[in-house]
Amino acid sequence: MPISKLIAAAFALALATTAASAIAAEPAKTKAEAEKTAKPKAAKAKGAKAKPVAAPKEADPEADEPDIADTAVQDFNCELGNKVTIYQNATDDGHIALRWKKRLHRLTRVATTTGAQRFENKMYGLIWIGIPAKAMLLDSKQNRQLANECKNDEQSKPQPAPVPDTQVNNAAATPAVPVSQPTSQPAALQPASQPAAQPAAHGAH
């Protein structure tokens, strides 16, 4: 074969190879550009769907368990084997922490006209009422008593026996004995004073 034909054939083969490579690279380039263009769109769409971050929830004193560090503790034994523990801070007279059924609750003082100590937690419906002799725990939502006749160690001590009413009545019925006072006699009953003695008369001489 003449050399010119070989050169022409080689040149034609080279052109065919270059064209095939260009055709094969074009789809790859188009695919890469498409992916590159799609990524920002996907990121933008993802950003649009993202929900705003919720603000941190504020603490609810009645819902959260209170801190009982550095508090005075009183245990109350109630009827039916129930137990209540009261925690109170000397610097906070308006609140107590109450343990009932293995959970701590924060109760707030409520003013009363009877002098009783009353604390409430409205969220859980708990009411603690204390008087000098005993205390009780109520459930205002269920309208029932949770624990009754609750007494601490001091309230559980034997009380002195009251004085029988008969002794009190006898003491009240016994009349008081009047104390006699010396009195002076009336002037009419006093003896008259005796006249002074007169000298004897002498006869005339």
C-alpha atoms as a PDB file:
ATOM      1  CA  MET A   1       0.000   0.000   0.000  1.00  0.00           C
ATOM      2  CA  PRO A   2       1.371   3.399  -0.815  1.00  0.00           C
ATOM      3  CA  ILE A   3       2.618   5.440   2.100  1.00  0.00           C
ATOM      4  CA  SER A   4       0.219   8.249   1.310  1.00  0.00           C
ATOM      5  CA  LYS A   5      -2.746   5.954   1.785  1.00  0.00           C
ATOM      6  CA  LEU A   6      -1.359   4.718   5.092  1.00  0.00           C
ATOM      7  CA  ILE A   7      -0.960   8.259   6.305  1.00  0.00           C
ATOM      8  CA  ALA A   8      -4.476   9.093   5.176  1.00  0.00           C
ATOM      9  CA  ALA A   9      -5.866   6.023   6.943  1.00  0.00           C
ATOM     10  CA  ALA A  10      -3.993   6.829  10.147  1.00  0.00           C
ATOM     11  CA  PHE A  11      -5.200  10.410  10.053  1.00  0.00           C
ATOM     12  CA  ALA A  12      -8.785   9.281   9.535  1.00  0.00           C
ATOM     13  CA  LEU A  13      -8.489   6.841  12.454  1.00  0.00           C
ATOM     14  CA  ALA A  14      -7.114   9.560  14.686  1.00  0.00           C
ATOM     15  CA  LEU A  15      -9.996  11.869  13.823  1.00  0.00           C
ATOM     16  CA  ALA A  16     -12.532   9.131  14.547  1.00  0.00           C
ATOM     17  CA  THR A  17     -10.948   8.376  17.906  1.00  0.00           C
ATOM     18  CA  THR A  18     -10.896  12.065  18.899  1.00  0.00           C
ATOM     19  CA  ALA A  19     -14.542  12.495  17.905  1.00  0.00           C
ATOM     20  CA  ALA A  20     -15.599   9.436  19.892  1.00  0.00           C
ATOM     21  CA  SER A  21     -13.735  10.690  22.974  1.00  0.00           C
ATOM     22  CA  ALA A  22     -15.373  14.091  22.676  1.00  0.00           C
ATOM     23  CA  ILE A  23     -18.825  12.541  22.322  1.00  0.00           C
ATOM     24  CA  ALA A  24     -18.205  10.304  25.364  1.00  0.00           C
ATOM     25  CA  ALA A  25     -16.907  13.192  27.497  1.00  0.00           C
ATOM     26  CA  GLU A  26     -19.793  15.521  26.676  1.00  0.00           C
ATOM     27  CA  PRO A  27     -22.500  13.545  28.504  1.00  0.00           C
ATOM     28  CA  ALA A  28     -20.205  13.171  31.507  1.00  0.00           C
ATOM     29  CA  LYS A  29     -19.595  16.901  31.574  1.00  0.00           C
ATOM     30  CA  THR A  30     -23.289  17.620  31.170  1.00  0.00           C
ATOM     31  CA  LYS A  31     -24.095  15.216  34.029  1.00  0.00           C
ATOM     32  CA  ALA A  32     -21.513  16.827  36.323  1.00  0.00           C
ATOM     33  CA  GLU A  33     -22.855  20.293  35.586  1.00  0.00           C
ATOM     34  CA  ALA A  34     -26.407  19.086  36.204  1.00  0.00           C
ATOM     35  CA  GLU A  35     -25.420  17.632  39.577  1.00  0.00           C
ATOM     36  CA  LYS A  36     -23.568  20.812  40.481  1.00  0.00           C
ATOM     37  CA  THR A  37     -26.622  22.886  39.631  1.00  0.00           C
ATOM     38  CA  ALA A  38     -28.973  20.546  41.484  1.00  0.00           C
ATOM     39  CA  LYS A  39     -27.037  20.632  44.760  1.00  0.00           C
ATOM     40  CA  PRO A  40     -27.658  24.342  45.529  1.00  0.00           C
ATOM     41  CA  LYS A  41     -31.324  23.867  44.676  1.00  0.00           C
ATOM     42  CA  ALA A  42     -31.563  20.923  47.022  1.00  0.00           C
ATOM     43  CA  ALA A  43     -29.782  22.845  49.772  1.00  0.00           C
ATOM     44  CA  LYS A  44     -32.088  25.803  49.255  1.00  0.00           C
ATOM     45  CA  ALA A  45     -35.157  23.574  49.412  1.00  0.00           C
ATOM     46  CA  LYS A  46     -33.826  21.903  52.565  1.00  0.00           C
ATOM     47  CA  GLY A  47     -33.236  25.273  54.186  1.00  0.00           C
ATOM     48  CA  ALA A  48     -36.771  26.345  53.361  1.00  0.00           C
ATOM     49  CA  LYS A  49     -38.219  23.268  55.088  1.00  0.00           C
ATOM     50  CA  ALA A  50     -36.123  23.645  58.254  1.00  0.00           C
ATOM     51  CA  LYS A  51     -38.294  24.543  61.270  1.00  0.00           C
ATOM     52  CA  PRO A  52     -37.279  27.421  63.521  1.00  0.00           C
ATOM     53  CA  VAL A  53     -35.524  26.383  66.717  1.00  0.00           C
ATOM     54  CA  ALA A  54     -37.943  26.516  69.645  1.00  0.00           C
ATOM     55  CA  ALA A  55     -37.043  28.758  72.550  1.00  0.00           C
ATOM     56  CA  PRO A  56     -35.947  26.914  75.688  1.00  0.00           C
ATOM     57  CA  LYS A  57     -38.860  26.098  77.959  1.00  0.00           C
ATOM     58  CA  GLU A  58     -39.035  28.150  81.131  1.00  0.00           C
ATOM     59  CA  ALA A  59     -38.863  26.279  84.412  1.00  0.00           C
ATOM     60  CA  ASP A  60     -42.202  25.733  86.158  1.00  0.00           C
ATOM     61  CA  PRO A  61     -41.703  25.717  89.958  1.00  0.00           C
ATOM     62  CA  GLU A  62     -44.889  23.720  90.546  1.00  0.00           C
ATOM     63  CA  ALA A  63     -44.089  21.132  87.871  1.00  0.00           C
ATOM     64  CA  ASP A  64     -40.387  20.658  88.602  1.00  0.00           C
ATOM     65  CA  GLU A  65     -39.072  18.989  91.729  1.00  0.00           C
ATOM     66  CA  PRO A  66     -37.728  21.584  94.214  1.00  0.00           C
ATOM     67  CA  ASP A  67     -34.226  21.764  95.639  1.00  0.00           C
ATOM     68  CA  ILE A  68     -34.195  20.499  99.246  1.00  0.00           C
ATOM     69  CA  ALA A  69     -30.584  21.328 100.108  1.00  0.00           C
ATOM     70  CA  ASP A  70     -30.108  23.035 103.507  1.00  0.00           C
ATOM     71  CA  THR A  71     -33.709  22.508 104.616  1.00  0.00           C
ATOM     72  CA  ALA A  72     -35.277  21.399 107.902  1.00  0.00           C
ATOM     73  CA  VAL A  73     -36.955  17.994 107.597  1.00  0.00           C
ATOM     74  CA  GLN A  74     -40.092  16.782 109.368  1.00  0.00           C
ATOM     75  CA  ASP A  75     -41.514  13.286 108.939  1.00  0.00           C
ATOM     76  CA  PHE A  76     -45.250  12.780 109.458  1.00  0.00           C
ATOM     77  CA  ASN A  77     -46.843   9.398 110.142  1.00  0.00           C
ATOM     78  CA  CYS A  78     -50.454   9.259 108.982  1.00  0.00           C
ATOM     79  CA  GLU A  79     -53.381   6.879 109.071  1.00  0.00           C
ATOM     80  CA  LEU A  80     -53.292   3.670 107.007  1.00  0.00           C
ATOM     81  CA  GLY A  81     -49.486   3.638 107.121  1.00  0.00           C
ATOM     82  CA  ASN A  82     -49.099   6.690 104.893  1.00  0.00           C
ATOM     83  CA  LYS A  83     -46.065   8.925 105.309  1.00  0.00           C
ATOM     84  CA  VAL A  84     -45.451  12.551 104.353  1.00  0.00           C
ATOM     85  CA  THR A  85     -42.141  14.408 104.609  1.00  0.00           C
ATOM     86  CA  ILE A  86     -41.987  18.200 104.756  1.00  0.00           C
ATOM     87  CA  TYR A  87     -38.859  20.200 103.842  1.00  0.00           C
ATOM     88  CA  GLN A  88     -38.757  23.873 104.795  1.00  0.00           C
ATOM     89  CA  ASN A  89     -36.108  26.539 104.373  1.00  0.00           C
ATOM     90  CA  ALA A  90     -35.740  28.937 107.272  1.00  0.00           C
ATOM     91  CA  THR A  91     -35.293  31.861 104.862  1.00  0.00           C
ATOM     92  CA  ASP A  92     -38.416  31.056 102.813  1.00  0.00           C
ATOM     93  CA  ASP A  93     -41.583  31.016 104.878  1.00  0.00           C
ATOM     94  CA  GLY A  94     -43.819  31.128 101.810  1.00  0.00           C
ATOM     95  CA  HIS A  95     -43.016  27.678 100.385  1.00  0.00           C
ATOM     96  CA  ILE A  96     -42.437  24.088 101.445  1.00  0.00           C
ATOM     97  CA  ALA A  97     -41.309  20.960  99.651  1.00  0.00           C
ATOM     98  CA  LEU A  98     -43.538  17.945 100.247  1.00  0.00           C
ATOM     99  CA  ARG A  99     -42.636  14.330  99.521  1.00  0.00           C
ATOM    100  CA  TRP A 100     -45.627  12.157  98.694  1.00  0.00           C
ATOM    101  CA  LYS A 101     -45.415   8.744  97.024  1.00  0.00           C
ATOM    102  CA  LYS A 102     -41.667   9.083  96.232  1.00  0.00           C
ATOM    103  CA  ARG A 103     -42.074  12.445  94.477  1.00  0.00           C
ATOM    104  CA  LEU A 104     -41.236  15.946  95.623  1.00  0.00           C
ATOM    105  CA  HIS A 105     -43.717  18.782  95.116  1.00  0.00           C
ATOM    106  CA  ARG A 106     -43.339  22.517  95.704  1.00  0.00           C
ATOM    107  CA  LEU A 107     -46.270  24.052  97.593  1.00  0.00           C
ATOM    108  CA  THR A 108     -47.005  27.741  98.127  1.00  0.00           C
ATOM    109  CA  ARG A 109     -48.465  29.225 101.314  1.00  0.00           C
ATOM    110  CA  VAL A 110     -52.087  30.399 101.176  1.00  0.00           C
ATOM    111  CA  ALA A 111     -53.352  32.859 103.785  1.00  0.00           C
ATOM    112  CA  THR A 112     -56.163  31.663 106.071  1.00  0.00           C
ATOM    113  CA  THR A 113     -58.408  33.308 108.661  1.00  0.00           C
ATOM    114  CA  THR A 114     -58.333  30.348 111.058  1.00  0.00           C
ATOM    115  CA  GLY A 115     -54.615  30.361 111.836  1.00  0.00           C
ATOM    116  CA  ALA A 116     -54.063  26.980 110.166  1.00  0.00           C
ATOM    117  CA  GLN A 117     -50.994  26.459 107.988  1.00  0.00           C
ATOM    118  CA  ARG A 118     -52.153  25.922 104.362  1.00  0.00           C
ATOM    119  CA  PHE A 119     -49.923  25.220 101.350  1.00  0.00           C
ATOM    120  CA  GLU A 120     -51.058  24.393  97.798  1.00  0.00           C
ATOM    121  CA  ASN A 121     -49.728  23.112  94.484  1.00  0.00           C
ATOM    122  CA  LYS A 122     -52.429  23.949  91.940  1.00  0.00           C
ATOM    123  CA  MET A 123     -50.865  21.989  89.105  1.00  0.00           C
ATOM    124  CA  TYR A 124     -51.078  18.665  90.966  1.00  0.00           C
ATOM    125  CA  GLY A 125     -54.030  19.704  93.155  1.00  0.00           C
ATOM    126  CA  LEU A 126     -52.212  19.040  96.432  1.00  0.00           C
ATOM    127  CA  ILE A 127     -53.239  20.880  99.617  1.00  0.00           C
ATOM    128  CA  TRP A 128     -51.376  20.508 102.926  1.00  0.00           C
ATOM    129  CA  ILE A 129     -53.198  21.791 106.029  1.00  0.00           C
ATOM    130  CA  GLY A 130     -51.486  21.842 109.397  1.00  0.00           C
ATOM    131  CA  ILE A 131     -52.826  22.677 112.857  1.00  0.00           C
ATOM    132  CA  PRO A 132     -51.006  22.370 116.200  1.00  0.00           C
ATOM    133  CA  ALA A 133     -52.349  18.857 116.856  1.00  0.00           C
ATOM    134  CA  LYS A 134     -52.087  17.240 113.381  1.00  0.00           C
ATOM    135  CA  ALA A 135     -52.038  17.756 109.618  1.00  0.00           C
ATOM    136  CA  MET A 136     -53.670  16.337 106.487  1.00  0.00           C
ATOM    137  CA  LEU A 137     -53.008  16.094 102.755  1.00  0.00           C
ATOM    138  CA  LEU A 138     -55.857  16.668 100.290  1.00  0.00           C
ATOM    139  CA  ASP A 139     -56.330  16.193  96.554  1.00  0.00           C
ATOM    140  CA  SER A 140     -58.402  19.118  95.287  1.00  0.00           C
ATOM    141  CA  LYS A 141     -58.733  17.652  91.781  1.00  0.00           C
ATOM    142  CA  GLN A 142     -60.176  14.363  93.021  1.00  0.00           C
ATOM    143  CA  ASN A 143     -61.893  16.057  95.993  1.00  0.00           C
ATOM    144  CA  ARG A 144     -60.619  13.511  98.500  1.00  0.00           C
ATOM    145  CA  GLN A 145     -58.210  13.010 101.373  1.00  0.00           C
ATOM    146  CA  LEU A 146     -54.853  11.473 100.580  1.00  0.00           C
ATOM    147  CA  ALA A 147     -53.522  11.282 104.138  1.00  0.00           C
ATOM    148  CA  ASN A 148     -55.193  12.119 107.442  1.00  0.00           C
ATOM    149  CA  GLU A 149     -54.180  12.298 111.092  1.00  0.00           C
ATOM    150  CA  CYS A 150     -50.587  13.092 110.122  1.00  0.00           C
ATOM    151  CA  LYS A 151     -48.379  13.759 113.137  1.00  0.00           C
ATOM    152  CA  ASN A 152     -44.692  14.442 113.597  1.00  0.00           C
ATOM    153  CA  ASP A 153     -42.654  13.276 116.579  1.00  0.00           C
ATOM    154  CA  GLU A 154     -43.618  16.273 118.704  1.00  0.00           C
ATOM    155  CA  GLN A 155     -47.332  15.899 117.989  1.00  0.00           C
ATOM    156  CA  SER A 156     -47.178  12.162 118.693  1.00  0.00           C
ATOM    157  CA  LYS A 157     -46.032  12.651 122.291  1.00  0.00           C
ATOM    158  CA  PRO A 158     -48.636  11.815 124.980  1.00  0.00           C
ATOM    159  CA  GLN A 159     -50.604  14.869 126.010  1.00  0.00           C
ATOM    160  CA  PRO A 160     -51.243  15.658 129.700  1.00  0.00           C
ATOM    161  CA  ALA A 161     -54.624  14.440 130.932  1.00  0.00           C
ATOM    162  CA  PRO A 162     -57.205  17.232 131.100  1.00  0.00           C
ATOM    163  CA  VAL A 163     -58.658  18.233 134.481  1.00  0.00           C
ATOM    164  CA  PRO A 164     -62.083  16.554 135.024  1.00  0.00           C
ATOM    165  CA  ASP A 165     -65.022  18.885 134.697  1.00  0.00           C
ATOM    166  CA  THR A 166     -66.312  17.917 138.158  1.00  0.00           C
ATOM    167  CA  GLN A 167     -63.226  19.337 139.834  1.00  0.00           C
ATOM    168  CA  VAL A 168     -63.499  22.520 137.844  1.00  0.00           C
ATOM    169  CA  ASN A 169     -67.207  22.844 138.646  1.00  0.00           C
ATOM    170  CA  ASN A 170     -66.667  22.160 142.361  1.00  0.00           C
ATOM    171  CA  ALA A 171     -63.929  24.745 142.511  1.00  0.00           C
ATOM    172  CA  ALA A 172     -66.171  27.249 140.789  1.00  0.00           C
ATOM    173  CA  ALA A 173     -69.177  26.422 143.046  1.00  0.00           C
ATOM    174  CA  THR A 174     -67.309  26.739 146.363  1.00  0.00           C
ATOM    175  CA  PRO A 175     -68.105  30.188 147.767  1.00  0.00           C
ATOM    176  CA  ALA A 176     -65.230  32.265 148.900  1.00  0.00           C
ATOM    177  CA  VAL A 177     -65.011  32.717 152.693  1.00  0.00           C
ATOM    178  CA  PRO A 178     -65.134  36.413 153.513  1.00  0.00           C
ATOM    179  CA  VAL A 179     -62.369  37.698 155.703  1.00  0.00           C
ATOM    180  CA  SER A 180     -63.782  39.461 158.766  1.00  0.00           C
ATOM    181  CA  GLN A 181     -62.504  42.912 159.433  1.00  0.00           C
ATOM    182  CA  PRO A 182     -62.387  44.428 162.979  1.00  0.00           C
ATOM    183  CA  THR A 183     -64.991  47.092 163.440  1.00  0.00           C
ATOM    184  CA  SER A 184     -65.117  49.874 165.946  1.00  0.00           C
ATOM    185  CA  GLN A 185     -68.048  50.060 168.363  1.00  0.00           C
ATOM    186  CA  PRO A 186     -70.586  52.833 167.952  1.00  0.00           C
ATOM    187  CA  ALA A 187     -70.060  55.834 170.133  1.00  0.00           C
ATOM    188  CA  ALA A 188     -73.378  55.158 171.981  1.00  0.00           C
ATOM    189  CA  LEU A 189     -72.125  51.738 173.158  1.00  0.00           C
ATOM    190  CA  GLN A 190     -68.824  52.948 174.429  1.00  0.00           C
ATOM    191  CA  PRO A 191     -68.715  53.433 178.248  1.00  0.00           C
ATOM    192  CA  ALA A 192     -69.046  57.019 179.342  1.00  0.00           C
ATOM    193  CA  SER A 193     -65.974  58.540 180.830  1.00  0.00           C
ATOM    194  CA  GLN A 194     -66.048  58.846 184.627  1.00  0.00           C
ATOM    195  CA  PRO A 195     -65.978  62.385 186.085  1.00  0.00           C
ATOM    196  CA  ALA A 196     -62.912  63.305 187.992  1.00  0.00           C
ATOM    197  CA  ALA A 197     -63.146  62.827 191.830  1.00  0.00           C
ATOM    198  CA  GLN A 198     -64.195  65.960 193.766  1.00  0.00           C
ATOM    199  CA  PRO A 199     -62.279  66.946 196.934  1.00  0.00           C
ATOM    200  CA  ALA A 200     -64.193  66.412 200.217  1.00  0.00           C
ATOM    201  CA  ALA A 201     -65.985  69.507 201.583  1.00  0.00           C
ATOM    202  CA  HIS A 202     -64.769  70.835 205.037  1.00  0.00           C
ATOM    203  CA  GLY A 203     -67.198  72.162 207.634  1.00  0.00           C
ATOM    204  CA  ALA A 204     -67.204  75.766 208.752  1.00  0.00           C
ATOM    205  CA  HIS A 205     -65.470  76.474 212.071  1.00  0.00           C
END
